[in-house]
Amino acid sequence: MADAKPPMVVDLAWDTRLMFTARESGHEWLLDGRNEAGPTPMAALASSLAGCMAIDIVLILTKGRFEVRSFSARLTGRRADTEPRRFVSIDLSISLDTSAPAEQVDRAIALSREKYCSVWHSLRQDIELTTSVSLAGPGAERGPEPDPTPE
């Protein structure tokens, strides 16, 4: 198990009201249950999922020798009406300017979702996750949408 990563340790300290400072590997960020001075834990989780998939997609495309000129994404998470108000569906809408053809973008998204995104694989798998892409640049023409159901 030479490739085993050490455990991730996040330290959390209460600041005031519903605000906590989180620290990990020399980095520090604020979590705020009232969403006033920082993101709520659910917003932080949503941004972690969007960020994880974005990093994977850009990395896969650039390793494939495609140029990525811009990338943005909007995650929309719908939550349960009752406690615990967990995510019940998530939509990740991606806008991407790249030299990669649409098939390669779809492949990068599928690889992130099915293999690489550790945040997604850490969530309950009964959450519906949809993705959409808006492409600009060469190769932006899209064919029919792939079947979202894995085989």
Protein backbone atom coordinates (compact mmCIF):
# COMPACT_ATOMS: atom_id res chain seq x y z
CA MET A 1 0.00 0.00 0.00
CA ALA A 2 2.72 2.44 -0.95
CA ASP A 3 0.14 4.69 -2.62
CA ALA A 4 -2.04 5.04 0.49
CA LYS A 5 -2.63 8.66 1.41
CA PRO A 6 -2.40 9.68 5.04
CA PRO A 7 -5.69 10.55 6.72
CA MET A 8 -6.99 14.05 6.15
CA VAL A 9 -7.22 15.98 9.38
CA VAL A 10 -9.37 19.10 9.56
CA ASP A 11 -9.33 21.05 12.81
CA LEU A 12 -12.42 23.07 13.63
CA ALA A 13 -12.58 25.83 16.24
CA TRP A 14 -15.68 27.70 17.35
CA ASP A 15 -15.32 31.45 16.91
CA THR A 16 -18.68 32.94 17.89
CA ARG A 17 -22.41 32.41 17.28
CA LEU A 18 -22.55 29.76 14.52
CA MET A 19 -19.12 30.58 13.05
CA PHE A 20 -16.25 28.10 13.02
CA THR A 21 -12.72 28.31 11.61
CA ALA A 22 -11.56 25.19 9.79
CA ARG A 23 -7.86 24.44 9.30
CA GLU A 24 -6.13 21.82 7.19
CA SER A 25 -2.55 21.64 5.87
CA GLY A 26 -1.83 25.29 6.64
CA HIS A 27 -5.07 26.51 5.04
CA GLU A 28 -7.85 28.20 6.94
CA TRP A 29 -11.47 29.00 6.08
CA LEU A 30 -14.63 30.07 7.85
CA LEU A 31 -17.90 28.14 8.03
CA ASP A 32 -20.98 30.06 9.14
CA GLY A 33 -24.29 28.38 9.92
CA ARG A 34 -26.06 31.70 9.26
CA ASN A 35 -24.31 32.30 5.90
CA GLU A 36 -23.25 35.80 6.98
CA ALA A 37 -19.45 35.84 7.32
CA GLY A 38 -18.77 32.72 5.28
CA PRO A 39 -20.42 29.78 3.53
CA THR A 40 -22.60 27.31 5.36
CA PRO A 41 -21.29 23.73 5.56
CA MET A 42 -23.77 22.76 2.80
CA ALA A 43 -22.51 25.57 0.54
CA ALA A 44 -18.94 24.47 1.26
CA LEU A 45 -19.90 20.89 0.36
CA ALA A 46 -21.56 22.06 -2.87
CA SER A 47 -18.51 24.11 -3.81
CA SER A 48 -16.29 21.12 -3.01
CA LEU A 49 -18.26 18.92 -5.39
CA ALA A 50 -18.24 21.54 -8.16
CA GLY A 51 -14.55 22.20 -7.59
CA CYS A 52 -13.61 18.53 -7.56
CA MET A 53 -15.35 17.87 -10.87
CA ALA A 54 -13.99 21.10 -12.41
CA ILE A 55 -10.41 20.20 -11.44
CA ASP A 56 -10.85 16.69 -12.86
CA ILE A 57 -12.33 17.94 -16.14
CA VAL A 58 -9.64 20.59 -16.73
CA LEU A 59 -6.89 18.11 -15.79
CA ILE A 60 -8.25 15.38 -18.09
CA LEU A 61 -8.65 17.77 -21.03
CA THR A 62 -5.21 19.37 -20.63
CA LYS A 63 -3.55 15.96 -20.23
CA GLY A 64 -5.28 15.07 -23.50
CA ARG A 65 -3.42 18.07 -25.02
CA PHE A 66 -6.55 20.15 -25.46
CA GLU A 67 -6.52 23.86 -24.70
CA VAL A 68 -8.90 25.08 -22.00
CA ARG A 69 -9.39 28.83 -22.39
CA SER A 70 -12.13 29.29 -19.79
CA PHE A 71 -14.19 27.20 -17.39
CA SER A 72 -17.05 28.17 -15.14
CA ALA A 73 -19.76 26.16 -13.47
CA ARG A 74 -22.96 26.66 -11.52
CA LEU A 75 -24.11 24.02 -9.09
CA THR A 76 -27.79 24.00 -8.16
CA GLY A 77 -28.58 21.71 -5.25
CA ARG A 78 -32.12 20.91 -4.23
CA ARG A 79 -32.55 19.97 -0.58
CA ALA A 80 -35.09 17.90 1.30
CA ASP A 81 -37.95 19.84 2.87
CA THR A 82 -37.49 18.12 6.23
CA GLU A 83 -34.49 17.47 8.50
CA PRO A 84 -31.90 16.42 7.69
CA ARG A 85 -32.15 18.83 4.79
CA ARG A 86 -29.74 16.84 2.63
CA PHE A 87 -29.25 17.29 -1.09
CA VAL A 88 -31.78 15.24 -3.04
CA SER A 89 -30.68 16.41 -6.49
CA ILE A 90 -27.75 18.31 -7.88
CA ASP A 91 -27.36 19.95 -11.28
CA LEU A 92 -23.90 21.03 -12.42
CA SER A 93 -24.04 23.36 -15.40
CA ILE A 94 -20.65 23.88 -17.03
CA SER A 95 -19.57 26.62 -19.45
CA LEU A 96 -16.36 25.73 -21.20
CA ASP A 97 -14.25 27.30 -23.96
CA THR A 98 -11.90 24.59 -25.20
CA SER A 99 -10.30 23.12 -28.28
CA ALA A 100 -11.61 19.70 -27.21
CA PRO A 101 -14.45 18.20 -29.24
CA ALA A 102 -17.73 17.63 -27.42
CA GLU A 103 -17.08 13.87 -27.18
CA GLN A 104 -13.87 14.50 -25.25
CA VAL A 105 -15.65 16.90 -22.89
CA ASP A 106 -18.37 14.29 -22.28
CA ARG A 107 -15.66 11.68 -21.64
CA ALA A 108 -13.91 13.97 -19.13
CA ILE A 109 -17.18 14.57 -17.27
CA ALA A 110 -17.93 10.84 -17.21
CA LEU A 111 -14.42 10.00 -15.93
CA SER A 112 -14.74 12.60 -13.18
CA ARG A 113 -18.14 11.31 -12.10
CA GLU A 114 -17.45 7.59 -12.43
CA LYS A 115 -13.80 7.33 -11.37
CA TYR A 116 -11.95 10.38 -10.11
CA CYS A 117 -14.15 12.81 -8.14
CA SER A 118 -13.57 11.76 -4.54
CA VAL A 119 -16.14 14.28 -3.28
CA TRP A 120 -18.91 12.74 -5.40
CA HIS A 121 -17.93 9.23 -4.33
CA SER A 122 -18.01 10.34 -0.69
CA LEU A 123 -21.67 11.43 -0.96
CA ARG A 124 -24.70 9.17 -0.75
CA GLN A 125 -25.21 7.56 -4.11
CA ASP A 126 -28.98 8.02 -4.12
CA ILE A 127 -28.48 11.73 -4.87
CA GLU A 128 -29.44 12.50 -8.43
CA LEU A 129 -26.54 14.24 -10.20
CA THR A 130 -27.06 15.83 -13.59
CA THR A 131 -24.51 17.76 -15.59
CA SER A 132 -24.84 20.10 -18.54
CA VAL A 133 -22.23 21.88 -20.63
CA SER A 134 -22.18 25.07 -22.67
CA LEU A 135 -19.22 24.92 -25.07
CA ALA A 136 -17.54 27.76 -26.93
CA GLY A 137 -14.71 27.62 -29.41
CA PRO A 138 -13.65 24.97 -31.96
CA GLY A 139 -15.37 21.63 -31.52
CA ALA A 140 -18.33 23.26 -29.78
CA GLU A 141 -20.96 21.51 -31.90
CA ARG A 142 -22.66 18.81 -29.89
CA GLY A 143 -24.16 15.56 -30.97
CA PRO A 144 -27.01 13.82 -29.15
CA GLU A 145 -26.76 13.79 -25.37
CA PRO A 146 -25.31 10.54 -23.97
CA ASP A 147 -27.52 8.26 -21.94
CA PRO A 148 -26.98 9.37 -18.28
CA THR A 149 -27.55 5.85 -16.98
CA PRO A 150 -24.34 3.85 -16.54
CA GLU A 151 -24.37 0.46 -18.17
